[in-house]
Protein backbone atom coordinates (compact mmCIF):
# COMPACT_ATOMS: atom_id res chain seq x y z
CA UNK A 1 115.18 102.70 74.22
CA UNK A 2 112.98 105.08 76.35
CA UNK A 3 110.83 102.35 77.55
CA UNK A 4 113.65 100.38 79.13
CA UNK A 5 113.34 102.04 82.40
CA UNK A 6 109.60 101.15 82.40
CA UNK A 7 110.29 97.48 81.53
CA UNK A 8 112.90 97.51 84.34
CA UNK A 9 110.24 98.56 86.69
CA UNK A 10 108.05 95.75 85.61
CA UNK A 11 110.54 93.17 86.01
CA UNK A 12 111.31 94.52 89.52
CA UNK A 13 107.72 94.68 90.47
CA UNK A 14 106.81 91.25 89.30
CA UNK A 15 109.87 88.89 89.53
CA UNK A 16 107.80 85.80 89.91
CA UNK A 17 104.83 86.53 87.65
CA UNK A 18 105.91 88.05 84.73
CA UNK A 19 108.39 87.28 81.95
CA UNK A 20 109.78 90.01 79.75
CA UNK A 21 111.00 88.90 76.44
CA UNK A 22 112.50 91.65 73.87
CA UNK A 23 112.39 91.23 70.14
CA UNK A 24 114.60 93.63 68.16
CA UNK A 25 113.57 94.33 64.69
CA UNK A 26 116.20 96.76 63.31
CA UNK A 27 115.58 100.08 61.64
CA UNK A 28 119.18 100.64 60.80
CA UNK A 29 121.16 98.19 58.85
CA UNK A 30 123.99 98.23 61.48
CA UNK A 31 121.54 97.08 64.13
CA UNK A 32 120.60 93.90 62.25
CA UNK A 33 123.99 92.34 63.21
CA UNK A 34 123.83 90.02 66.01
CA UNK A 35 127.00 91.35 67.74
CA UNK A 36 125.61 94.82 67.58
CA UNK A 37 122.48 93.80 69.40
CA UNK A 38 124.59 92.11 71.89
CA UNK A 39 126.69 95.14 72.43
CA UNK A 40 123.43 97.39 72.89
CA UNK A 41 121.97 94.79 75.49
CA UNK A 42 125.20 95.15 77.49
CA UNK A 43 125.50 98.86 77.10
CA UNK A 44 121.77 99.60 78.16
CA UNK A 45 121.98 96.96 80.92
CA UNK A 46 119.02 95.00 79.57
CA UNK A 47 118.41 92.25 81.85
CA UNK A 48 115.86 90.12 79.73
CA UNK A 49 116.37 87.75 76.75
CA UNK A 50 116.25 89.65 73.34
CA UNK A 51 115.54 88.01 69.90
CA UNK A 52 117.35 89.43 67.00
CA UNK A 53 114.30 89.63 64.56
CA UNK A 54 116.65 90.68 61.57
CA UNK A 55 114.34 89.58 58.80
CA UNK A 56 111.14 90.94 60.59
CA UNK A 57 109.55 87.56 60.88
CA UNK A 58 108.35 88.05 64.40
CA UNK A 59 107.29 91.79 63.48
CA UNK A 60 105.06 90.46 60.46
CA UNK A 61 103.58 87.53 62.61
CA UNK A 62 102.38 89.79 65.29
CA UNK A 63 101.44 92.77 62.86
CA UNK A 64 103.77 95.08 64.56
CA UNK A 65 103.50 98.64 62.99
CA UNK A 66 105.69 100.97 65.21
CA UNK A 67 108.65 100.94 67.39
CA UNK A 68 108.18 100.37 70.24
CA UNK A 69 105.23 97.97 70.38
CA UNK A 70 104.27 96.17 73.44
CA UNK A 71 102.21 92.72 73.38
CA UNK A 72 100.68 91.20 76.36
CA UNK A 73 100.52 87.32 76.30
CA UNK A 74 98.75 85.35 78.68
CA UNK A 75 100.25 82.18 80.35
CA UNK A 76 98.49 79.89 77.63
CA UNK A 77 100.03 81.87 74.70
CA UNK A 78 97.14 84.15 73.77
CA UNK A 79 97.63 87.78 72.92
CA UNK A 80 95.59 89.88 75.28
CA UNK A 81 96.42 93.30 74.28
CA UNK A 82 98.98 95.54 72.26
CA UNK A 83 100.11 99.14 72.83
CA UNK A 84 102.12 101.19 70.09
CA UNK A 85 104.36 103.90 71.36
CA UNK A 86 105.85 104.64 74.97
CA UNK A 87 103.85 104.24 78.04
CA UNK A 88 103.83 105.23 81.78
CA UNK A 89 104.69 102.29 84.34
CA UNK A 90 101.54 103.23 86.41
CA UNK A 91 99.26 102.65 83.38
CA UNK A 92 100.75 99.24 82.65
CA UNK A 93 100.66 98.36 86.25
CA UNK A 94 97.07 99.24 86.63
CA UNK A 95 96.26 97.10 83.55
CA UNK A 96 98.31 94.05 84.68
CA UNK A 97 97.31 93.76 88.19
CA UNK A 98 93.90 92.28 87.79
CA UNK A 99 95.08 89.96 85.05
CA UNK A 100 97.75 88.59 87.45
CA UNK A 101 95.17 88.11 90.18
CA UNK A 102 92.70 86.37 87.66
CA UNK A 103 95.29 83.88 86.35
CA UNK A 104 96.48 83.43 89.91
CA UNK A 105 93.03 82.11 90.79
CA UNK A 106 93.10 79.70 87.97
CA UNK A 107 96.48 78.36 88.90
CA UNK A 108 97.96 79.29 85.64
CA UNK A 109 100.83 81.32 87.12
CA UNK A 110 104.06 79.50 88.04
CA UNK A 111 105.64 81.51 90.63
CA UNK A 112 109.25 81.14 90.37
CA UNK A 113 111.86 83.95 90.06
CA UNK A 114 113.34 84.23 86.53
CA UNK A 115 117.07 84.74 86.81
CA UNK A 116 119.43 85.30 83.97
CA UNK A 117 123.38 85.10 83.87
CA UNK A 118 124.27 88.61 82.72
CA UNK A 119 127.36 88.91 80.68
CA UNK A 120 127.52 92.65 81.25
CA UNK A 121 128.63 92.21 84.80
CA UNK A 122 131.53 90.06 83.47
CA UNK A 123 132.43 92.77 80.78
CA UNK A 124 132.34 95.75 83.16
CA UNK A 125 134.60 93.61 85.55
CA UNK A 126 137.12 92.86 82.80
CA UNK A 127 137.56 96.56 81.53
CA UNK A 128 138.83 99.61 83.13
CA UNK A 129 136.22 101.58 81.24
CA UNK A 130 132.92 100.15 80.24
CA UNK A 131 130.97 101.38 77.16
CA UNK A 132 132.27 105.28 77.65
CA UNK A 133 129.57 107.28 76.02
CA UNK A 134 131.12 110.82 75.87
CA UNK A 135 134.25 112.67 76.93
CA UNK A 136 135.43 116.34 77.16
CA UNK A 137 138.93 117.37 76.47
CA UNK A 138 140.19 120.66 77.92
CA UNK A 139 143.27 122.36 76.63
CA UNK A 140 143.36 125.05 79.45
CA UNK A 141 143.33 122.59 82.31
CA UNK A 142 144.84 119.72 80.48
CA UNK A 143 141.97 117.54 81.78
CA UNK A 144 140.17 114.78 80.08
CA UNK A 145 136.62 114.08 81.35
CA UNK A 146 135.34 110.49 80.54
CA UNK A 147 131.76 109.53 80.99
CA UNK A 148 132.42 105.82 82.05
CA UNK A 149 128.72 105.13 81.51
CA UNK A 150 128.72 101.50 82.24
CA UNK A 151 130.45 101.97 85.36
CA UNK A 152 128.09 105.03 86.26
CA UNK A 153 130.98 107.36 86.89
CA UNK A 154 133.16 110.06 85.45
CA UNK A 155 136.87 109.45 85.20
CA UNK A 156 139.10 112.54 85.31
CA UNK A 157 142.45 112.26 83.67
CA UNK A 158 145.13 114.41 82.03
CA UNK A 159 145.20 114.58 78.43
CA UNK A 160 147.92 111.96 78.30
CA UNK A 161 145.94 109.57 80.43
CA UNK A 162 147.01 109.90 83.93
CA UNK A 163 144.08 109.31 86.13
CA UNK A 164 143.46 112.23 88.77
CA UNK A 165 140.04 111.50 90.02
CA UNK A 166 136.93 109.37 89.81
CA UNK A 167 133.66 110.95 90.61
CA UNK A 168 130.84 108.59 91.73
CA UNK A 169 130.82 105.23 93.66
CA UNK A 170 130.35 103.04 90.53
CA UNK A 171 126.85 102.05 91.41
CA UNK A 172 123.71 103.14 89.54
CA UNK A 173 121.51 105.65 91.36
CA UNK A 174 120.85 109.47 91.99
CA UNK A 175 122.72 110.53 95.04
CA UNK A 176 124.39 114.02 95.55
CA UNK A 177 127.42 114.29 97.80
CA UNK A 178 131.23 114.20 97.60
CA UNK A 179 133.29 112.32 94.81
CA UNK A 180 133.07 108.90 96.58
CA UNK A 181 129.37 108.94 97.71
CA UNK A 182 127.74 110.53 94.68
CA UNK A 183 125.78 108.20 92.27
CA UNK A 184 125.07 108.63 88.60
CA UNK A 185 123.01 106.40 86.16
CA UNK A 186 124.70 106.12 82.54
CA UNK A 187 126.03 109.63 82.62
CA UNK A 188 126.76 110.96 79.01
CA UNK A 189 127.70 114.48 77.72
CA UNK A 190 129.50 117.11 79.79
CA UNK A 191 130.35 120.84 79.66
CA UNK A 192 132.94 122.79 81.53
CA UNK A 193 132.48 126.39 82.78
CA UNK A 194 135.31 127.32 84.96
CA UNK A 195 135.58 125.05 87.79
CA UNK A 196 132.08 123.69 87.41
CA UNK A 197 131.57 120.57 85.16
CA UNK A 198 127.77 119.77 84.00
CA UNK A 199 126.77 116.47 83.28
CA UNK A 200 123.85 114.99 81.42
CA UNK A 201 122.83 112.17 83.63
CA UNK A 202 120.86 110.31 81.02
CA UNK A 203 119.11 107.32 82.87
CA UNK A 204 118.33 109.66 85.86
CA UNK A 205 116.72 112.17 83.60
CA UNK A 206 118.74 114.69 85.33
CA UNK A 207 121.37 117.43 85.09
CA UNK A 208 124.23 117.38 87.60
CA UNK A 209 126.66 119.97 88.50
CA UNK A 210 130.18 119.09 89.70
CA UNK A 211 132.27 121.69 91.74
CA UNK A 212 135.75 120.63 90.69
CA UNK A 213 137.15 122.75 93.71
CA UNK A 214 134.89 121.68 96.44
CA UNK A 215 134.77 118.05 94.98
CA UNK A 216 131.05 118.04 95.28
CA UNK A 217 128.06 116.84 93.05
CA UNK A 218 124.73 118.63 93.09
CA UNK A 219 121.51 117.85 91.14
CA UNK A 220 120.41 120.93 89.46
CA UNK A 221 117.39 119.81 87.41
CA UNK A 222 115.41 116.58 87.02
CA UNK A 223 113.44 114.38 89.57
CA UNK A 224 114.99 110.96 88.75
CA UNK A 225 111.80 110.04 86.59
CA UNK A 226 111.18 110.54 83.01
CA UNK A 227 108.81 113.42 82.14
CA UNK A 228 105.58 112.12 80.87
CA UNK A 229 104.14 115.32 79.29
CA UNK A 230 105.16 118.47 77.58
CA UNK A 231 106.82 120.71 80.03
CA UNK A 232 106.76 124.59 79.87
CA UNK A 233 109.62 126.78 81.08
CA UNK A 234 110.00 126.96 84.75
CA UNK A 235 112.35 126.62 87.59
CA UNK A 236 115.20 124.21 87.16
CA UNK A 237 115.09 122.45 90.24
CA UNK A 238 112.51 119.54 90.34
CA UNK A 239 111.67 120.21 86.56
CA UNK A 240 111.01 116.65 84.89
CA UNK A 241 113.38 115.93 82.09
CA UNK A 242 113.40 113.13 79.67
CA UNK A 243 116.63 111.39 78.71
CA UNK A 244 119.37 114.43 78.57
CA UNK A 245 122.15 113.20 76.49
CA UNK A 246 124.63 115.87 75.90
CA UNK A 247 125.24 119.57 77.07
CA UNK A 248 127.24 122.58 76.05
CA UNK A 249 127.84 125.96 77.65
CA UNK A 250 127.44 129.23 75.76
CA UNK A 251 127.38 132.65 77.30
CA UNK A 252 125.76 131.79 80.76
CA UNK A 253 123.37 129.14 79.14
CA UNK A 254 123.48 125.37 79.27
CA UNK A 255 122.07 123.97 75.97
CA UNK A 256 120.84 120.38 76.37
CA UNK A 257 120.26 117.66 73.86
CA UNK A 258 117.03 116.21 75.19
CA UNK A 259 116.83 113.01 73.28
CA UNK A 260 113.78 111.83 74.89
CA UNK A 261 111.57 114.84 73.79
CA UNK A 262 113.31 115.31 70.32
CA UNK A 263 114.12 118.86 71.54
CA UNK A 264 117.08 121.05 72.40
CA UNK A 265 116.61 122.75 76.01
CA UNK A 266 118.18 125.67 77.36
CA UNK A 267 118.92 126.58 80.98
CA UNK A 268 119.58 130.10 82.11
CA UNK A 269 122.28 129.27 84.78
CA UNK A 270 122.23 132.62 86.55
CA UNK A 271 118.33 132.50 86.93
CA UNK A 272 118.06 128.78 87.21
CA UNK A 273 115.27 128.33 84.82
CA UNK A 274 114.95 125.79 82.01
CA UNK A 275 112.67 124.98 79.26
CA UNK A 276 112.63 123.95 75.48
CA UNK A 277 114.67 125.90 73.13
CA UNK A 278 114.40 124.21 69.85
CA UNK A 279 112.06 121.57 68.49
CA UNK A 280 108.24 121.21 68.70
CA UNK A 281 108.47 117.63 70.30
CA UNK A 282 107.40 116.07 67.20
CA UNK A 283 109.86 113.38 65.76
CA UNK A 284 111.20 114.06 62.44
CA UNK A 285 113.37 116.26 60.16
CA UNK A 286 111.99 119.70 59.38
CA UNK A 287 113.81 122.90 59.51
CA UNK A 288 112.46 126.28 60.55
CA UNK A 289 111.83 128.52 63.52
CA UNK A 290 113.11 127.27 66.64
CA UNK A 291 109.82 126.24 68.13
CA UNK A 292 108.46 124.82 64.99
CA UNK A 293 111.06 122.49 63.78
CA UNK A 294 110.98 118.77 64.22
CA UNK A 295 114.04 116.97 65.56
CA UNK A 296 114.78 113.28 66.28
CA UNK A 297 116.58 112.20 69.28
CA UNK A 298 119.40 114.60 69.50
CA UNK A 299 122.28 113.11 71.35
CA UNK A 300 125.15 115.48 70.85
CA UNK A 301 125.55 119.03 70.96
CA UNK A 302 128.20 121.71 70.65
CA UNK A 303 128.97 125.41 69.73
CA UNK A 304 131.37 127.49 67.88
CA UNK A 305 131.85 130.08 70.50
CA UNK A 306 130.05 132.84 68.36
CA UNK A 307 126.50 132.05 69.02
CA UNK A 308 125.75 129.05 66.78
CA UNK A 309 124.82 125.53 67.99
CA UNK A 310 125.45 122.15 66.19
CA UNK A 311 123.80 118.99 67.26
CA UNK A 312 123.75 115.28 66.24
CA UNK A 313 120.21 114.41 65.38
CA UNK A 314 120.47 110.70 65.55
CA UNK A 315 117.22 109.06 64.53
CA UNK A 316 117.49 111.25 61.21
CA UNK A 317 121.25 110.45 60.91
CA UNK A 318 121.54 114.20 60.59
CA UNK A 319 123.89 117.09 61.66
CA UNK A 320 122.09 120.21 62.18
CA UNK A 321 122.51 123.75 63.32
CA UNK A 322 120.56 126.42 65.36
CA UNK A 323 121.24 130.03 66.31
CA UNK A 324 121.30 130.51 69.93
CA UNK A 325 119.18 133.52 69.41
CA UNK A 326 115.45 132.99 70.30
CA UNK A 327 114.25 134.34 67.01
CA UNK A 328 116.82 131.91 65.24
CA UNK A 329 116.03 128.99 63.17
CA UNK A 330 117.02 125.34 62.66
CA UNK A 331 118.91 124.29 59.63
CA UNK A 332 120.19 120.81 58.38
CA UNK A 333 123.66 120.55 57.22
CA UNK A 334 123.67 116.90 56.33
CA UNK A 335 120.72 114.44 56.60
CA UNK A 336 117.56 113.76 54.77
CA UNK A 337 114.92 112.11 56.95
CA UNK A 338 114.22 109.35 59.33
CA UNK A 339 114.69 106.50 56.92
CA UNK A 340 117.48 108.00 54.87
CA UNK A 341 120.85 106.68 56.29
CA UNK A 342 123.81 104.86 54.93
CA UNK A 343 127.58 105.57 54.52
CA UNK A 344 128.25 108.05 51.77
CA UNK A 345 130.49 111.12 51.83
CA UNK A 346 129.95 114.24 49.64
CA UNK A 347 128.08 117.54 49.96
CA UNK A 348 124.73 118.30 51.54
CA UNK A 349 121.82 115.90 50.84
CA UNK A 350 124.13 113.47 48.92
CA UNK A 351 125.67 112.66 52.37
CA UNK A 352 124.41 109.54 54.25
CA UNK A 353 125.33 108.99 57.83
CA UNK A 354 124.02 106.17 60.09
CA UNK A 355 122.91 107.21 63.57
CA UNK A 356 125.46 109.78 64.27
CA UNK A 357 126.03 110.40 67.98
CA UNK A 358 128.96 112.55 68.69
CA UNK A 359 129.84 116.23 67.49
CA UNK A 360 132.60 118.72 68.31
CA UNK A 361 133.72 122.02 66.76
CA UNK A 362 137.27 122.90 66.18
CA UNK A 363 138.82 125.79 64.05
CA UNK A 364 136.05 126.06 61.42
CA UNK A 365 135.26 122.45 61.23
CA UNK A 366 132.99 119.82 62.64
CA UNK A 367 133.99 116.31 63.79
CA UNK A 368 131.32 113.91 64.06
CA UNK A 369 130.81 110.37 65.38
CA UNK A 370 129.15 108.55 62.73
CA UNK A 371 128.39 105.77 65.35
CA UNK A 372 126.58 102.84 63.35
CA UNK A 373 129.24 103.28 60.47
CA UNK A 374 132.00 103.15 63.17
CA UNK A 375 133.81 106.07 61.53
CA UNK A 376 134.79 109.71 62.46
CA UNK A 377 133.87 112.15 59.77
CA UNK A 378 134.59 116.04 59.18
CA UNK A 379 131.96 118.33 58.17
CA UNK A 380 132.54 121.63 56.75
CA UNK A 381 129.79 123.73 58.07
CA UNK A 382 130.14 126.44 55.14
CA UNK A 383 130.20 123.98 52.24
CA UNK A 384 128.37 121.07 54.09
CA UNK A 385 131.03 118.85 52.67
CA UNK A 386 131.48 115.63 54.61
CA UNK A 387 134.70 113.51 54.54
CA UNK A 388 135.42 110.22 56.21
CA UNK A 389 138.83 110.69 58.42
CA UNK A 390 139.05 107.55 60.57
CA UNK A 391 137.52 104.17 60.49
CA UNK A 392 137.18 101.49 57.66
CA UNK A 393 134.29 99.64 56.09
CA UNK A 394 133.84 97.44 58.93
CA UNK A 395 133.96 97.92 62.82
CA UNK A 396 137.08 96.55 64.73
CA UNK A 397 139.81 97.38 67.29
CA UNK A 398 142.80 98.59 65.44
CA UNK A 399 145.39 101.46 65.68
CA UNK A 400 146.77 102.97 62.40
CA UNK A 401 146.82 106.00 59.97
CA UNK A 402 143.39 107.48 58.67
CA UNK A 403 141.34 104.68 57.26
CA UNK A 404 143.49 101.96 58.39
CA UNK A 405 142.08 102.57 61.89
CA UNK A 406 139.18 100.47 63.01
CA UNK A 407 136.64 101.78 65.71
CA UNK A 408 133.55 100.09 67.08
CA UNK A 409 130.26 102.45 67.28
CA UNK A 410 131.96 105.53 68.76
CA UNK A 411 129.65 107.78 70.51
CA UNK A 412 131.59 110.91 71.54
CA UNK A 413 134.35 113.14 70.22
CA UNK A 414 136.22 116.17 71.63
CA UNK A 415 139.12 118.24 70.34
CA UNK A 416 142.17 119.91 72.05
CA UNK A 417 145.75 120.71 70.86
CA UNK A 418 145.03 119.56 67.30
CA UNK A 419 144.15 116.09 68.77
CA UNK A 420 140.76 114.30 68.62
CA UNK A 421 139.72 112.33 71.48
CA UNK A 422 137.15 109.56 70.67
CA UNK A 423 134.87 107.58 73.03
CA UNK A 424 135.11 104.18 71.11
CA UNK A 425 132.15 102.90 73.02
CA UNK A 426 132.09 99.16 72.14
CA UNK A 427 135.70 98.69 72.33
CA UNK A 428 135.47 100.25 76.01
CA UNK A 429 138.42 102.36 75.10
CA UNK A 430 139.41 106.12 74.48
CA UNK A 431 141.21 106.61 71.19
CA UNK A 432 143.33 109.40 70.26
CA UNK A 433 143.65 110.92 66.79
CA UNK A 434 146.41 113.35 65.50
CA UNK A 435 144.40 115.52 63.13
CA UNK A 436 147.74 116.46 61.47
CA UNK A 437 149.35 113.07 60.80
CA UNK A 438 146.09 111.01 60.74
CA UNK A 439 147.85 108.54 63.53
CA UNK A 440 145.21 106.83 65.73
CA UNK A 441 146.39 105.34 68.99
CA UNK A 442 144.69 104.03 72.22
CA UNK A 443 145.08 105.87 75.22
CA UNK A 444 146.57 104.04 78.28
CA UNK A 445 144.77 105.28 81.30
CA UNK A 446 147.29 105.07 84.05
CA UNK A 447 146.10 104.62 87.69
CA UNK A 448 142.48 103.49 87.01
């Protein structure tokens, strides 16, 4: 996922010389389904063909060993090189330029632009929301903030669905300004602090600040480019970030689920400084002191209001916790390791989730979006007991009570007034679940 921007740069730099072909060899069972692959292609705006290598046939024939793996194939079909892991566009560009020149001299490059008809453009036009990633329900202000990720904007509505504002012009980009001129790129998690809304602007690798009174958007950290190396703490302005996916505010500190570096970061809002808070940067599941722990693509974060953070550690299909104190530790509530996943309720290590992405805390309980299982579950932080609330054995789009309801890869959850608001990502919808009656309905956004 983190190499997609580099591939986009490659496609834009060499539209007549290079063809990018994606091969999807799934890690999680839910990723093997062709429709799931299709939805991911639409959600992440992938603009090249992708093969669903569900049985690992291409993986084996090319002797792939790691995600991601990049193979360079010449015009005659010969494999020229292989790279495992992420990379910088500049390094790849330096490698490809002389190759293109050499094959051009031989007359082997057919210079014709490769264009594809993108279904994503049609889907975005057909839906009021497009792949909503996260949302934030606020009781005090009666506001529901929706990250309309596929439309690159933030929708502001009342809790009953009356749209009041749209923040962003709907085009992907990184631009500050008023509501109508500002631009985002796949915005995700949000946190509210008084009249200030903080946003994890994922594909811009930036943190944005919205002044709801002044109706203005400002970049407070990030450069628009992904960080390429470990960054020590420092001034927030201009600090390179890598795929910030969610944020939460606690006691003057903005905590960030920094998926791209497998860490939690913290920004002191008064001092405007930022840096790693938990996670060594090594991908995996290992508890212990904050800086020594291992995380794996955290994509959701929340807190209990009393100094404890909870986060969704997606690649380990885990829900984990950390003290907000600098001398605290990271602990795992449910989840086992990188390749232990499934769909099983229970207590502690008996529980299996599948790429959980969303998490919120309300009245002593955690509510999680068990994304690839298309379910919403409840986790008791004290007992580590996990119970399915909403969603059935297969994905779908159906209102109903408790397990009768069907969801499709929900990514975000937020609670207000005893009601759970759900970003039902692949259904392009916001679902509303009454935690008392168990009734799930679809929120009708009025005025969008």
